[in-house]
Amino acid sequence: MKSRGSILYRGVSRKRGKYQMSYPGPDGRYRYGGLFKSAEEAARAHDEKVREVHGPDALTNERVGLFDGGVARNPYVVAGGTGRLQLFY
């Protein structure tokens, strides 16, 4: 299981004061996707790239409900012992 850390979105991490997007390529290795001003902007770019590479059924932030406030009812998200939300995939 992979922890999301402090950023809730898939494929998004903090880098030099901005949000870095990375996405899994066809071979499963993660690739750099750029730096963005907000975590949500990076997450949306991640979703677009993942759909382009893996097709419309790819697991995205949007599909698991992270943009519509669906975190509380989402089966992929659990609250860890630290009080932070973690997304497992």
Protein backbone atom coordinates (compact mmCIF):
# COMPACT_ATOMS: atom_id res chain seq x y z
CA MET A 1 0.00 0.00 0.00
CA LYS A 2 1.21 3.47 -0.85
CA SER A 3 0.55 6.43 1.43
CA ARG A 4 -0.53 9.77 -0.07
CA GLY A 5 1.38 11.79 2.57
CA SER A 6 0.13 15.34 3.05
CA ILE A 7 -1.12 15.78 -0.56
CA LEU A 8 -4.36 13.92 -1.12
CA TYR A 9 -4.30 13.80 -4.92
CA ARG A 10 -2.84 10.94 -6.95
CA GLY A 11 0.30 11.83 -8.91
CA VAL A 12 0.90 15.13 -7.07
CA SER A 13 3.78 16.04 -4.78
CA ARG A 14 5.27 19.25 -3.39
CA LYS A 15 8.40 20.49 -5.18
CA ARG A 16 10.19 23.85 -4.77
CA GLY A 17 7.10 25.62 -3.45
CA LYS A 18 4.91 24.34 -6.29
CA TYR A 19 3.06 21.11 -7.04
CA GLN A 20 4.73 18.52 -9.24
CA MET A 21 2.65 16.18 -11.35
CA SER A 22 3.86 12.74 -12.32
CA TYR A 23 1.99 9.97 -14.08
CA PRO A 24 2.50 6.26 -14.77
CA GLY A 25 3.62 5.50 -18.30
CA PRO A 26 2.57 2.44 -20.29
CA ASP A 27 5.46 0.49 -18.72
CA GLY A 28 4.35 1.41 -15.17
CA ARG A 29 7.27 3.76 -14.48
CA TYR A 30 6.37 7.27 -13.32
CA ARG A 31 7.21 10.20 -15.56
CA TYR A 32 7.58 13.91 -14.81
CA GLY A 33 4.56 15.95 -15.90
CA GLY A 34 5.45 19.50 -14.87
CA LEU A 35 5.06 22.02 -12.04
CA PHE A 36 1.76 23.75 -11.22
CA LYS A 37 0.61 26.57 -8.91
CA SER A 38 -2.04 24.50 -7.12
CA ALA A 39 -2.44 20.86 -6.13
CA GLU A 40 -5.85 20.68 -7.82
CA GLU A 41 -4.45 22.05 -11.09
CA ALA A 42 -1.69 19.41 -10.99
CA ALA A 43 -4.24 16.69 -10.17
CA ARG A 44 -6.45 17.65 -13.12
CA ALA A 45 -3.41 17.61 -15.44
CA HIS A 46 -2.53 14.16 -14.02
CA ASP A 47 -6.03 12.88 -14.77
CA GLU A 48 -5.91 14.17 -18.34
CA LYS A 49 -2.52 12.56 -19.01
CA VAL A 50 -3.49 9.24 -17.37
CA ARG A 51 -6.63 9.04 -19.55
CA GLU A 52 -4.50 9.79 -22.63
CA VAL A 53 -1.98 7.04 -21.77
CA HIS A 54 -4.24 4.37 -20.21
CA GLY A 55 -7.66 5.06 -21.73
CA PRO A 56 -11.01 6.29 -20.38
CA ASP A 57 -11.25 3.63 -17.65
CA ALA A 58 -7.99 4.69 -15.94
CA LEU A 59 -8.11 5.32 -12.19
CA THR A 60 -8.04 9.10 -11.77
CA ASN A 61 -8.56 11.63 -9.00
CA GLU A 62 -11.90 12.56 -10.54
CA ARG A 63 -13.04 8.95 -10.79
CA VAL A 64 -12.45 8.30 -7.07
CA GLY A 65 -14.33 11.49 -6.16
CA LEU A 66 -11.57 13.76 -4.91
CA PHE A 67 -12.83 16.87 -6.74
CA ASP A 68 -16.49 16.75 -5.72
CA GLY A 69 -16.05 16.48 -1.95
CA GLY A 70 -16.52 12.73 -2.10
CA VAL A 71 -13.55 11.96 0.16
CA ALA A 72 -15.71 11.02 3.17
CA ARG A 73 -17.69 8.38 1.27
CA ASN A 74 -14.87 7.16 -0.95
CA PRO A 75 -13.78 3.53 -0.41
CA TYR A 76 -10.23 4.29 -1.59
CA VAL A 77 -9.64 6.85 1.19
CA VAL A 78 -9.14 5.99 4.85
CA ALA A 79 -8.19 8.04 7.89
CA GLY A 80 -4.86 6.88 9.26
CA GLY A 81 -3.77 6.90 12.90
CA THR A 82 -2.12 10.26 12.28
CA GLY A 83 -5.47 11.90 11.56
CA ARG A 84 -4.49 12.47 7.93
CA LEU A 85 -6.47 11.05 5.05
CA GLN A 86 -4.58 8.51 3.00
CA LEU A 87 -5.45 7.16 -0.43
CA PHE A 88 -4.43 3.59 -1.21
CA TYR A 89 -4.18 1.99 -4.63
